[in-house]
Amino acid sequence: MAEKIKLTKNELQRQQIELKKYQRFLPTLQLKKQQLQIEVRKVQEQVQEKETELNNLLQKTMAWAKLFSDLELADWLKNIKIQQVYRSTANIAGVKVQLFEDIDFNIKGYSLFSTPAWIDPLFERIKALLGLREQMKILQNTLNALQKEARKTTQRVNLFEKVMIPRCQENIRVIKIYLGDQDRNAVGRAKIAKRKLLAA
């Protein structure tokens, strides 16, 4: 036994109160752990869906590869920038996370008559790619936050199940044995004292 405990009735009562507290709190922790595991799986699925969506869009965009070899394309790409990413916050199983809402782009003006016809669809695809990339960043941050909280909660559950509750139970057992022995010794001493009194 790592900790030194007092072998008294007060300590027995304190240990019993602690044990009840741990046993009352453990189911809440276990429920939180289950909820976090479910949410982690959901977000992992969303990340995979976005990765698939991004890969499909990239493959479709590769059909334009010959147009991308145009030396002026780099100049055109400078014309599209992310202006603002709109996020909201949510509470998922007790963890505050951000959710993707929308995205605004800033596109520099260009002449519709002096630019190739493929610029507009190219800009739309680039916007879609950039939007997916931002969504994946937010999802990955959400996943990281949920996984971190899930690890902490699992550690707490293990601490309660494998350390705190068994320690209290063992302390209660030891104190009860000691107090029982003390009671039996007291009864024995009382009988001896009574016999001595009667003999006197």
N, C-alpha and C. Protein backbone atom coordinates (compact mmCIF):
# COMPACT_ATOMS: atom_id res chain seq x y z
N MET A 1 0.85 -1.18 0.00
CA MET A 1 0.00 0.00 0.00
C MET A 1 0.90 1.24 0.00
N ALA A 2 0.74 2.09 -1.04
CA ALA A 2 1.63 3.24 -1.22
C ALA A 2 1.40 4.31 -0.16
N GLU A 3 0.13 4.63 0.08
CA GLU A 3 -0.15 5.72 1.02
C GLU A 3 -0.34 5.17 2.43
N LYS A 4 0.09 5.96 3.40
CA LYS A 4 -0.07 5.59 4.81
C LYS A 4 -1.43 6.08 5.26
N ILE A 5 -2.27 5.16 5.72
CA ILE A 5 -3.61 5.56 6.17
C ILE A 5 -3.72 5.39 7.68
N LYS A 6 -4.58 6.19 8.27
CA LYS A 6 -4.87 6.08 9.70
C LYS A 6 -5.88 4.95 9.87
N LEU A 7 -5.67 4.14 10.87
CA LEU A 7 -6.56 3.01 11.10
C LEU A 7 -7.59 3.40 12.16
N THR A 8 -8.45 4.36 11.76
CA THR A 8 -9.46 4.89 12.69
C THR A 8 -10.84 4.85 12.03
N LYS A 9 -11.87 5.01 12.87
CA LYS A 9 -13.25 5.03 12.35
C LYS A 9 -13.48 6.25 11.45
N ASN A 10 -12.86 7.37 11.83
CA ASN A 10 -13.00 8.57 10.99
C ASN A 10 -12.39 8.35 9.61
N GLU A 11 -11.23 7.70 9.57
CA GLU A 11 -10.59 7.41 8.27
C GLU A 11 -11.43 6.42 7.48
N LEU A 12 -12.02 5.45 8.15
CA LEU A 12 -12.91 4.49 7.48
C LEU A 12 -14.07 5.22 6.83
N GLN A 13 -14.67 6.15 7.58
CA GLN A 13 -15.79 6.92 7.03
C GLN A 13 -15.34 7.77 5.85
N ARG A 14 -14.16 8.39 5.97
CA ARG A 14 -13.63 9.22 4.87
C ARG A 14 -13.39 8.37 3.61
N GLN A 15 -12.82 7.19 3.80
CA GLN A 15 -12.55 6.31 2.66
C GLN A 15 -13.86 5.84 2.01
N GLN A 16 -14.88 5.57 2.83
CA GLN A 16 -16.18 5.14 2.28
C GLN A 16 -16.83 6.26 1.47
N ILE A 17 -16.71 7.49 1.97
CA ILE A 17 -17.25 8.65 1.23
C ILE A 17 -16.51 8.82 -0.10
N GLU A 18 -15.17 8.70 -0.05
CA GLU A 18 -14.36 8.80 -1.28
C GLU A 18 -14.77 7.73 -2.28
N LEU A 19 -14.92 6.50 -1.81
CA LEU A 19 -15.30 5.39 -2.68
C LEU A 19 -16.64 5.66 -3.36
N LYS A 20 -17.62 6.13 -2.59
CA LYS A 20 -18.95 6.44 -3.17
C LYS A 20 -18.83 7.54 -4.22
N LYS A 21 -17.99 8.54 -3.93
CA LYS A 21 -17.81 9.65 -4.87
C LYS A 21 -17.22 9.13 -6.19
N TYR A 22 -16.18 8.30 -6.09
CA TYR A 22 -15.55 7.75 -7.30
C TYR A 22 -16.53 6.88 -8.08
N GLN A 23 -17.28 6.04 -7.35
CA GLN A 23 -18.23 5.14 -8.02
C GLN A 23 -19.39 5.90 -8.65
N ARG A 24 -19.73 7.06 -8.07
CA ARG A 24 -20.81 7.87 -8.65
C ARG A 24 -20.31 8.61 -9.89
N PHE A 25 -19.04 9.03 -9.88
CA PHE A 25 -18.48 9.83 -10.97
C PHE A 25 -18.03 8.97 -12.15
N LEU A 26 -17.64 7.72 -11.90
CA LEU A 26 -17.11 6.84 -12.94
C LEU A 26 -18.07 6.63 -14.12
N PRO A 27 -19.35 6.34 -13.90
CA PRO A 27 -20.25 6.15 -15.06
C PRO A 27 -20.34 7.38 -15.96
N THR A 28 -20.28 8.58 -15.37
CA THR A 28 -20.31 9.81 -16.17
C THR A 28 -19.07 9.88 -17.06
N LEU A 29 -17.92 9.54 -16.49
CA LEU A 29 -16.69 9.53 -17.27
C LEU A 29 -16.74 8.49 -18.38
N GLN A 30 -17.27 7.32 -18.06
CA GLN A 30 -17.36 6.25 -19.07
C GLN A 30 -18.29 6.66 -20.21
N LEU A 31 -19.39 7.33 -19.87
CA LEU A 31 -20.31 7.81 -20.90
C LEU A 31 -19.64 8.86 -21.78
N LYS A 32 -18.89 9.78 -21.15
CA LYS A 32 -18.17 10.79 -21.92
C LYS A 32 -17.15 10.14 -22.85
N LYS A 33 -16.47 9.13 -22.36
CA LYS A 33 -15.48 8.41 -23.16
C LYS A 33 -16.16 7.80 -24.40
N GLN A 34 -17.31 7.16 -24.20
CA GLN A 34 -18.04 6.56 -25.32
C GLN A 34 -18.49 7.62 -26.33
N GLN A 35 -19.02 8.74 -25.82
CA GLN A 35 -19.47 9.81 -26.71
C GLN A 35 -18.30 10.35 -27.53
N LEU A 36 -17.16 10.55 -26.88
CA LEU A 36 -15.99 11.07 -27.59
C LEU A 36 -15.51 10.08 -28.66
N GLN A 37 -15.53 8.79 -28.35
CA GLN A 37 -15.11 7.79 -29.33
C GLN A 37 -16.04 7.82 -30.55
N ILE A 38 -17.34 7.97 -30.31
CA ILE A 38 -18.31 8.04 -31.41
C ILE A 38 -18.05 9.29 -32.25
N GLU A 39 -17.84 10.44 -31.58
CA GLU A 39 -17.59 11.70 -32.31
C GLU A 39 -16.28 11.66 -33.09
N VAL A 40 -15.25 11.03 -32.51
CA VAL A 40 -13.97 10.90 -33.21
C VAL A 40 -14.16 10.11 -34.50
N ARG A 41 -14.92 9.00 -34.42
CA ARG A 41 -15.18 8.20 -35.63
C ARG A 41 -15.95 9.00 -36.68
N LYS A 42 -16.94 9.78 -36.23
CA LYS A 42 -17.72 10.60 -37.18
C LYS A 42 -16.82 11.60 -37.91
N VAL A 43 -15.96 12.29 -37.14
CA VAL A 43 -15.09 13.30 -37.75
C VAL A 43 -14.05 12.64 -38.65
N GLN A 44 -13.55 11.46 -38.26
CA GLN A 44 -12.61 10.74 -39.13
C GLN A 44 -13.27 10.40 -40.47
N GLU A 45 -14.55 9.99 -40.42
CA GLU A 45 -15.29 9.70 -41.66
C GLU A 45 -15.45 10.96 -42.49
N GLN A 46 -15.74 12.10 -41.84
CA GLN A 46 -15.88 13.36 -42.58
C GLN A 46 -14.56 13.75 -43.24
N VAL A 47 -13.44 13.56 -42.52
CA VAL A 47 -12.13 13.88 -43.09
C VAL A 47 -11.88 13.01 -44.32
N GLN A 48 -12.20 11.71 -44.22
CA GLN A 48 -12.00 10.81 -45.36
C GLN A 48 -12.87 11.22 -46.54
N GLU A 49 -14.12 11.61 -46.26
CA GLU A 49 -15.02 12.05 -47.33
C GLU A 49 -14.45 13.28 -48.04
N LYS A 50 -13.94 14.25 -47.25
CA LYS A 50 -13.38 15.47 -47.84
C LYS A 50 -12.11 15.15 -48.63
N GLU A 51 -11.29 14.21 -48.14
CA GLU A 51 -10.09 13.82 -48.87
C GLU A 51 -10.45 13.19 -50.21
N THR A 52 -11.48 12.34 -50.19
CA THR A 52 -11.94 11.71 -51.43
C THR A 52 -12.47 12.77 -52.40
N GLU A 53 -13.26 13.68 -51.86
CA GLU A 53 -13.81 14.78 -52.68
C GLU A 53 -12.68 15.62 -53.29
N LEU A 54 -11.67 15.92 -52.47
CA LEU A 54 -10.53 16.71 -52.94
C LEU A 54 -9.76 15.96 -54.02
N ASN A 55 -9.51 14.68 -53.80
CA ASN A 55 -8.79 13.88 -54.80
C ASN A 55 -9.55 13.78 -56.11
N ASN A 56 -10.87 13.58 -56.02
CA ASN A 56 -11.69 13.51 -57.24
C ASN A 56 -11.64 14.83 -58.01
N LEU A 57 -11.72 15.94 -57.28
CA LEU A 57 -11.67 17.25 -57.92
C LEU A 57 -10.30 17.50 -58.55
N LEU A 58 -9.25 17.07 -57.87
CA LEU A 58 -7.90 17.21 -58.43
C LEU A 58 -7.75 16.39 -59.72
N GLN A 59 -8.29 15.17 -59.71
CA GLN A 59 -8.21 14.33 -60.92
C GLN A 59 -8.95 14.97 -62.08
N LYS A 60 -10.14 15.53 -61.79
CA LYS A 60 -10.89 16.21 -62.85
C LYS A 60 -10.12 17.42 -63.36
N THR A 61 -9.46 18.11 -62.43
CA THR A 61 -8.72 19.31 -62.80
C THR A 61 -7.47 18.97 -63.60
N MET A 62 -6.93 17.76 -63.40
CA MET A 62 -5.73 17.36 -64.14
C MET A 62 -6.00 17.27 -65.64
N ALA A 63 -7.27 17.13 -66.00
CA ALA A 63 -7.62 17.12 -67.43
C ALA A 63 -7.25 18.45 -68.07
N TRP A 64 -7.07 19.46 -67.25
CA TRP A 64 -6.71 20.79 -67.74
C TRP A 64 -5.19 20.99 -67.70
N ALA A 65 -4.44 19.91 -67.49
CA ALA A 65 -2.99 20.02 -67.26
C ALA A 65 -2.28 20.78 -68.37
N LYS A 66 -2.72 20.59 -69.60
CA LYS A 66 -2.05 21.28 -70.71
C LYS A 66 -2.24 22.79 -70.60
N LEU A 67 -3.39 23.20 -70.13
CA LEU A 67 -3.62 24.63 -69.96
C LEU A 67 -2.77 25.17 -68.80
N PHE A 68 -2.53 24.31 -67.78
CA PHE A 68 -1.72 24.74 -66.64
C PHE A 68 -0.27 24.99 -67.03
N SER A 69 0.16 24.39 -68.13
CA SER A 69 1.55 24.59 -68.52
C SER A 69 1.77 25.98 -69.12
N ASP A 70 0.68 26.70 -69.31
CA ASP A 70 0.78 28.08 -69.81
C ASP A 70 1.61 28.91 -68.82
N LEU A 71 2.61 29.60 -69.31
CA LEU A 71 3.52 30.37 -68.46
C LEU A 71 2.81 31.50 -67.71
N GLU A 72 1.69 31.97 -68.27
CA GLU A 72 1.00 33.08 -67.63
C GLU A 72 0.05 32.63 -66.53
N LEU A 73 -0.11 31.31 -66.36
CA LEU A 73 -1.08 30.81 -65.38
C LEU A 73 -0.73 31.27 -63.96
N ALA A 74 0.55 31.27 -63.63
CA ALA A 74 0.97 31.70 -62.29
C ALA A 74 0.47 33.12 -62.00
N ASP A 75 0.52 33.97 -63.02
CA ASP A 75 0.00 35.33 -62.85
C ASP A 75 -1.50 35.32 -62.60
N TRP A 76 -2.20 34.42 -63.30
CA TRP A 76 -3.65 34.34 -63.12
C TRP A 76 -4.00 33.84 -61.72
N LEU A 77 -3.21 32.89 -61.23
CA LEU A 77 -3.50 32.31 -59.91
C LEU A 77 -3.33 33.33 -58.80
N LYS A 78 -2.50 34.34 -59.03
CA LYS A 78 -2.32 35.39 -58.02
C LYS A 78 -3.58 36.23 -57.87
N ASN A 79 -4.47 36.13 -58.85
CA ASN A 79 -5.69 36.94 -58.84
C ASN A 79 -6.77 36.41 -57.89
N ILE A 80 -6.60 35.18 -57.39
CA ILE A 80 -7.63 34.61 -56.51
C ILE A 80 -7.02 34.34 -55.12
N LYS A 81 -7.64 34.93 -54.11
CA LYS A 81 -7.17 34.79 -52.73
C LYS A 81 -8.37 34.52 -51.82
N ILE A 82 -8.09 33.83 -50.72
CA ILE A 82 -9.14 33.64 -49.71
C ILE A 82 -9.26 34.95 -48.94
N GLN A 83 -10.45 35.51 -48.95
CA GLN A 83 -10.68 36.76 -48.22
C GLN A 83 -11.02 36.47 -46.76
N GLN A 84 -11.98 35.55 -46.54
CA GLN A 84 -12.38 35.23 -45.17
C GLN A 84 -13.00 33.84 -45.11
N VAL A 85 -12.67 33.12 -44.03
CA VAL A 85 -13.28 31.82 -43.77
C VAL A 85 -14.22 32.01 -42.58
N TYR A 86 -15.47 31.68 -42.76
CA TYR A 86 -16.47 31.83 -41.70
C TYR A 86 -16.58 30.52 -40.92
N ARG A 87 -16.45 30.64 -39.61
CA ARG A 87 -16.53 29.48 -38.73
C ARG A 87 -17.56 29.74 -37.64
N SER A 88 -18.11 28.66 -37.14
CA SER A 88 -18.95 28.76 -35.95
C SER A 88 -18.35 27.84 -34.90
N THR A 89 -18.76 28.01 -33.67
CA THR A 89 -18.26 27.13 -32.61
C THR A 89 -19.38 26.21 -32.15
N ALA A 90 -18.97 25.03 -31.74
CA ALA A 90 -19.94 24.04 -31.24
C ALA A 90 -19.32 23.32 -30.07
N ASN A 91 -20.19 22.71 -29.28
CA ASN A 91 -19.74 21.92 -28.14
C ASN A 91 -20.05 20.47 -28.46
N ILE A 92 -19.01 19.68 -28.68
CA ILE A 92 -19.19 18.26 -28.99
C ILE A 92 -18.64 17.45 -27.83
N ALA A 93 -19.53 16.80 -27.11
CA ALA A 93 -19.16 15.96 -25.96
C ALA A 93 -18.28 16.72 -24.98
N GLY A 94 -18.61 17.99 -24.76
CA GLY A 94 -17.87 18.79 -23.79
C GLY A 94 -16.61 19.44 -24.34
N VAL A 95 -16.37 19.32 -25.65
CA VAL A 95 -15.18 19.91 -26.26
C VAL A 95 -15.62 21.03 -27.19
N LYS A 96 -15.06 22.21 -26.99
CA LYS A 96 -15.39 23.36 -27.83
C LYS A 96 -14.59 23.25 -29.13
N VAL A 97 -15.29 23.19 -30.27
CA VAL A 97 -14.64 23.04 -31.58
C VAL A 97 -15.20 24.05 -32.57
N GLN A 98 -14.47 24.23 -33.67
CA GLN A 98 -14.93 25.12 -34.73
C GLN A 98 -15.54 24.29 -35.86
N LEU A 99 -16.56 24.84 -36.49
CA LEU A 99 -17.20 24.23 -37.64
C LEU A 99 -17.08 25.16 -38.84
N PHE A 100 -16.87 24.60 -40.01
CA PHE A 100 -16.79 25.39 -41.23
C PHE A 100 -18.19 25.85 -41.61
N GLU A 101 -18.32 27.13 -41.93
CA GLU A 101 -19.61 27.67 -42.37
C GLU A 101 -19.58 28.07 -43.84
N ASP A 102 -18.64 28.95 -44.20
CA ASP A 102 -18.59 29.46 -45.57
C ASP A 102 -17.21 30.08 -45.81
N ILE A 103 -16.98 30.44 -47.04
CA ILE A 103 -15.69 31.04 -47.40
C ILE A 103 -15.93 32.12 -48.47
N ASP A 104 -15.24 33.23 -48.33
CA ASP A 104 -15.30 34.30 -49.34
C ASP A 104 -13.94 34.41 -50.02
N PHE A 105 -13.99 34.66 -51.32
CA PHE A 105 -12.77 34.82 -52.10
C PHE A 105 -12.68 36.25 -52.61
N ASN A 106 -11.46 36.68 -52.79
CA ASN A 106 -11.21 37.98 -53.40
C ASN A 106 -10.57 37.71 -54.76
N ILE A 107 -11.29 38.04 -55.82
CA ILE A 107 -10.78 37.82 -57.18
C ILE A 107 -10.56 39.17 -57.82
N LYS A 108 -9.31 39.39 -58.23
CA LYS A 108 -9.00 40.65 -58.92
C LYS A 108 -9.75 40.68 -60.24
N GLY A 109 -10.20 41.89 -60.60
CA GLY A 109 -10.93 42.04 -61.85
C GLY A 109 -10.06 41.73 -63.07
N TYR A 110 -10.69 41.21 -64.09
CA TYR A 110 -10.00 40.91 -65.35
C TYR A 110 -10.98 41.09 -66.50
N SER A 111 -10.44 41.31 -67.65
CA SER A 111 -11.27 41.55 -68.83
C SER A 111 -11.84 40.23 -69.33
N LEU A 112 -13.15 40.20 -69.48
CA LEU A 112 -13.80 39.00 -69.99
C LEU A 112 -13.49 38.76 -71.47
N PHE A 113 -13.13 39.84 -72.18
CA PHE A 113 -12.90 39.71 -73.64
C PHE A 113 -11.46 39.32 -73.96
N SER A 114 -10.51 39.74 -73.13
CA SER A 114 -9.11 39.49 -73.47
C SER A 114 -8.52 38.29 -72.73
N THR A 115 -9.35 37.53 -71.99
CA THR A 115 -8.85 36.36 -71.27
C THR A 115 -9.40 35.09 -71.91
N PRO A 116 -8.67 33.98 -71.77
CA PRO A 116 -9.16 32.71 -72.34
C PRO A 116 -10.48 32.29 -71.68
N ALA A 117 -11.28 31.54 -72.41
CA ALA A 117 -12.60 31.13 -71.93
C ALA A 117 -12.50 30.18 -70.73
N TRP A 118 -11.37 29.51 -70.59
CA TRP A 118 -11.25 28.53 -69.50
C TRP A 118 -10.91 29.15 -68.15
N ILE A 119 -10.68 30.45 -68.10
CA ILE A 119 -10.30 31.09 -66.83
C ILE A 119 -11.43 31.02 -65.80
N ASP A 120 -12.69 31.30 -66.23
CA ASP A 120 -13.80 31.27 -65.27
C ASP A 120 -14.00 29.88 -64.65
N PRO A 121 -14.08 28.82 -65.47
CA PRO A 121 -14.21 27.48 -64.85
C PRO A 121 -12.98 27.11 -64.01
N LEU A 122 -11.79 27.56 -64.43
CA LEU A 122 -10.58 27.30 -63.66
C LEU A 122 -10.68 27.96 -62.29
N PHE A 123 -11.10 29.22 -62.26
CA PHE A 123 -11.26 29.92 -60.99
C PHE A 123 -12.27 29.20 -60.09
N GLU A 124 -13.35 28.70 -60.66
CA GLU A 124 -14.36 27.98 -59.88
C GLU A 124 -13.76 26.72 -59.25
N ARG A 125 -12.94 26.02 -60.04
CA ARG A 125 -12.31 24.80 -59.50
C ARG A 125 -11.28 25.15 -58.42
N ILE A 126 -10.54 26.21 -58.64
CA ILE A 126 -9.55 26.62 -57.64
C ILE A 126 -10.27 27.02 -56.35
N LYS A 127 -11.40 27.74 -56.50
CA LYS A 127 -12.18 28.11 -55.32
C LYS A 127 -12.67 26.86 -54.58
N ALA A 128 -13.13 25.87 -55.34
CA ALA A 128 -13.61 24.63 -54.73
C ALA A 128 -12.47 23.91 -54.01
N LEU A 129 -11.30 23.86 -54.65
CA LEU A 129 -10.13 23.21 -54.03
C LEU A 129 -9.71 23.93 -52.75
N LEU A 130 -9.63 25.26 -52.81
CA LEU A 130 -9.26 26.03 -51.63
C LEU A 130 -10.29 25.88 -50.51
N GLY A 131 -11.57 25.87 -50.90
CA GLY A 131 -12.63 25.68 -49.90
C GLY A 131 -12.53 24.32 -49.22
N LEU A 132 -12.28 23.27 -50.00
CA LEU A 132 -12.11 21.93 -49.43
C LEU A 132 -10.90 21.88 -48.51
N ARG A 133 -9.82 22.54 -48.93
CA ARG A 133 -8.61 22.56 -48.10
C ARG A 133 -8.90 23.21 -46.74
N GLU A 134 -9.64 24.32 -46.74
CA GLU A 134 -9.98 25.00 -45.48
C GLU A 134 -10.90 24.13 -44.62
N GLN A 135 -11.85 23.47 -45.26
CA GLN A 135 -12.75 22.58 -44.51
C GLN A 135 -11.96 21.46 -43.85
N MET A 136 -10.98 20.90 -44.58
CA MET A 136 -10.17 19.82 -44.03
C MET A 136 -9.30 20.30 -42.87
N LYS A 137 -8.79 21.53 -42.96
CA LYS A 137 -8.00 22.08 -41.85
C LYS A 137 -8.85 22.15 -40.58
N ILE A 138 -10.07 22.67 -40.73
CA ILE A 138 -10.96 22.83 -39.58
C ILE A 138 -11.36 21.46 -39.03
N LEU A 139 -11.67 20.52 -39.92
CA LEU A 139 -12.02 19.16 -39.48
C LEU A 139 -10.85 18.50 -38.75
N GLN A 140 -9.64 18.71 -39.27
CA GLN A 140 -8.46 18.11 -38.65
C GLN A 140 -8.23 18.70 -37.25
N ASN A 141 -8.44 20.01 -37.11
CA ASN A 141 -8.33 20.64 -35.79
C ASN A 141 -9.38 20.08 -34.82
N THR A 142 -10.60 19.89 -35.34
CA THR A 142 -11.67 19.30 -34.53
C THR A 142 -11.30 17.89 -34.11
N LEU A 143 -10.79 17.12 -35.06
CA LEU A 143 -10.38 15.74 -34.77
C LEU A 143 -9.28 15.70 -33.72
N ASN A 144 -8.29 16.56 -33.86
CA ASN A 144 -7.19 16.62 -32.88
C ASN A 144 -7.71 16.95 -31.48
N ALA A 145 -8.62 17.94 -31.40
CA ALA A 145 -9.17 18.35 -30.10
C ALA A 145 -9.98 17.20 -29.47
N LEU A 146 -10.78 16.51 -30.28
CA LEU A 146 -11.58 15.39 -29.76
C LEU A 146 -10.70 14.23 -29.33
N GLN A 147 -9.67 13.93 -30.12
CA GLN A 147 -8.76 12.83 -29.76
C GLN A 147 -8.00 13.15 -28.47
N LYS A 148 -7.58 14.40 -28.32
CA LYS A 148 -6.87 14.80 -27.10
C LYS A 148 -7.78 14.63 -25.88
N GLU A 149 -9.02 15.09 -25.99
CA GLU A 149 -9.96 14.97 -24.87
C GLU A 149 -10.30 13.51 -24.61
N ALA A 150 -10.41 12.70 -25.68
CA ALA A 150 -10.69 11.27 -25.52
C ALA A 150 -9.55 10.58 -24.76
N ARG A 151 -8.29 10.95 -25.08
CA ARG A 151 -7.14 10.38 -24.36
C ARG A 151 -7.19 10.76 -22.88
N LYS A 152 -7.47 12.04 -22.59
CA LYS A 152 -7.54 12.50 -21.20
C LYS A 152 -8.65 11.77 -20.45
N THR A 153 -9.81 11.64 -21.09
CA THR A 153 -10.94 10.98 -20.44
C THR A 153 -10.64 9.50 -20.20
N THR A 154 -10.00 8.84 -21.17
CA THR A 154 -9.62 7.43 -21.00
C THR A 154 -8.65 7.28 -19.84
N GLN A 155 -7.71 8.22 -19.72
CA GLN A 155 -6.76 8.18 -18.60
C GLN A 155 -7.50 8.33 -17.26
N ARG A 156 -8.48 9.22 -17.23
CA ARG A 156 -9.26 9.42 -15.99
C ARG A 156 -10.07 8.17 -15.64
N VAL A 157 -10.70 7.57 -16.66
CA VAL A 157 -11.47 6.34 -16.43
C VAL A 157 -10.54 5.26 -15.87
N ASN A 158 -9.37 5.10 -16.51
CA ASN A 158 -8.41 4.09 -16.03
C ASN A 158 -7.94 4.40 -14.61
N LEU A 159 -7.71 5.68 -14.32
CA LEU A 159 -7.28 6.08 -12.97
C LEU A 159 -8.34 5.68 -11.95
N PHE A 160 -9.60 5.97 -12.26
CA PHE A 160 -10.68 5.63 -11.33
C PHE A 160 -10.83 4.11 -11.19
N GLU A 161 -10.89 3.40 -12.35
CA GLU A 161 -11.15 1.96 -12.34
C GLU A 161 -9.99 1.16 -11.76
N LYS A 162 -8.76 1.55 -12.10
CA LYS A 162 -7.61 0.71 -11.77
C LYS A 162 -6.80 1.20 -10.57
N VAL A 163 -7.01 2.45 -10.15
CA VAL A 163 -6.20 2.97 -9.04
C VAL A 163 -7.07 3.44 -7.88
N MET A 164 -7.89 4.47 -8.12
CA MET A 164 -8.59 5.13 -7.01
C MET A 164 -9.60 4.21 -6.32
N ILE A 165 -10.48 3.57 -7.10
CA ILE A 165 -11.51 2.70 -6.50
C ILE A 165 -10.87 1.50 -5.81
N PRO A 166 -9.95 0.77 -6.49
CA PRO A 166 -9.32 -0.37 -5.78
C PRO A 166 -8.55 0.06 -4.53
N ARG A 167 -7.90 1.23 -4.58
CA ARG A 167 -7.15 1.71 -3.40
C ARG A 167 -8.11 1.97 -2.24
N CYS A 168 -9.22 2.64 -2.51
CA CYS A 168 -10.21 2.91 -1.45
C CYS A 168 -10.76 1.59 -0.89
N GLN A 169 -11.07 0.65 -1.80
CA GLN A 169 -11.61 -0.63 -1.34
C GLN A 169 -10.60 -1.37 -0.45
N GLU A 170 -9.33 -1.33 -0.85
CA GLU A 170 -8.29 -1.98 -0.04
C GLU A 170 -8.11 -1.27 1.31
N ASN A 171 -8.13 0.06 1.29
CA ASN A 171 -8.00 0.82 2.54
C ASN A 171 -9.15 0.50 3.49
N ILE A 172 -10.36 0.43 2.94
CA ILE A 172 -11.54 0.11 3.76
C ILE A 172 -11.40 -1.29 4.35
N ARG A 173 -10.93 -2.23 3.53
CA ARG A 173 -10.74 -3.61 4.00
C ARG A 173 -9.73 -3.66 5.16
N VAL A 174 -8.59 -2.97 4.97
CA VAL A 174 -7.54 -2.97 6.00
C VAL A 174 -8.04 -2.33 7.29
N ILE A 175 -8.71 -1.18 7.17
CA ILE A 175 -9.22 -0.48 8.36
C ILE A 175 -10.26 -1.34 9.09
N LYS A 176 -11.16 -1.99 8.32
CA LYS A 176 -12.18 -2.84 8.95
C LYS A 176 -11.54 -4.01 9.70
N ILE A 177 -10.53 -4.61 9.07
CA ILE A 177 -9.84 -5.72 9.76
C ILE A 177 -9.21 -5.22 11.05
N TYR A 178 -8.51 -4.09 10.97
CA TYR A 178 -7.85 -3.53 12.15
C TYR A 178 -8.86 -3.19 13.25
N LEU A 179 -9.94 -2.49 12.86
CA LEU A 179 -10.95 -2.11 13.85
C LEU A 179 -11.65 -3.33 14.43
N GLY A 180 -11.87 -4.36 13.58
CA GLY A 180 -12.46 -5.61 14.08
C GLY A 180 -11.56 -6.28 15.10
N ASP A 181 -10.25 -6.29 14.78
CA ASP A 181 -9.29 -6.86 15.73
C ASP A 181 -9.30 -6.07 17.04
N GLN A 182 -9.35 -4.74 16.93
CA GLN A 182 -9.36 -3.89 18.13
C GLN A 182 -10.61 -4.16 18.96
N ASP A 183 -11.75 -4.32 18.28
CA ASP A 183 -13.00 -4.61 19.01
C ASP A 183 -12.90 -5.95 19.74
N ARG A 184 -12.38 -6.98 19.05
CA ARG A 184 -12.24 -8.30 19.68
C ARG A 184 -11.27 -8.24 20.87
N ASN A 185 -10.17 -7.49 20.68
CA ASN A 185 -9.21 -7.33 21.78
C ASN A 185 -9.86 -6.62 22.97
N ALA A 186 -10.66 -5.59 22.67
CA ALA A 186 -11.33 -4.83 23.74
C ALA A 186 -12.30 -5.73 24.49
N VAL A 187 -13.04 -6.58 23.75
CA VAL A 187 -13.98 -7.51 24.38
C VAL A 187 -13.22 -8.49 25.25
N GLY A 188 -12.10 -8.99 24.70
CA GLY A 188 -11.28 -9.93 25.48
C GLY A 188 -10.75 -9.29 26.74
N ARG A 189 -10.24 -8.08 26.64
CA ARG A 189 -9.73 -7.36 27.81
C ARG A 189 -10.85 -7.11 28.84
N ALA A 190 -12.03 -6.78 28.33
CA ALA A 190 -13.17 -6.53 29.23
C ALA A 190 -13.55 -7.79 29.99
N LYS A 191 -13.53 -8.95 29.32
CA LYS A 191 -13.86 -10.22 29.98
C LYS A 191 -12.83 -10.55 31.06
N ILE A 192 -11.54 -10.33 30.70
CA ILE A 192 -10.48 -10.60 31.67
C ILE A 192 -10.63 -9.68 32.88
N ALA A 193 -10.90 -8.41 32.61
CA ALA A 193 -11.07 -7.44 33.71
C ALA A 193 -12.27 -7.82 34.58
N LYS A 194 -13.35 -8.30 33.94
CA LYS A 194 -14.56 -8.69 34.67
C LYS A 194 -14.26 -9.89 35.57
N ARG A 195 -13.51 -10.88 35.01
CA ARG A 195 -13.16 -12.06 35.80
C ARG A 195 -12.30 -11.68 37.00
N LYS A 196 -11.37 -10.74 36.75
CA LYS A 196 -10.49 -10.30 37.85
C LYS A 196 -11.31 -9.60 38.94
N LEU A 197 -12.28 -8.80 38.51
CA LEU A 197 -13.13 -8.11 39.47
C LEU A 197 -13.97 -9.10 40.29
N LEU A 198 -14.51 -10.09 39.57
CA LEU A 198 -15.33 -11.10 40.26
C LEU A 198 -14.48 -11.93 41.21
N ALA A 199 -13.25 -12.23 40.78
CA ALA A 199 -12.33 -13.02 41.62
C ALA A 199 -11.92 -12.22 42.84
N ALA A 200 -11.81 -10.91 42.71
CA ALA A 200 -11.39 -10.08 43.84
C ALA A 200 -12.56 -9.96 44.78
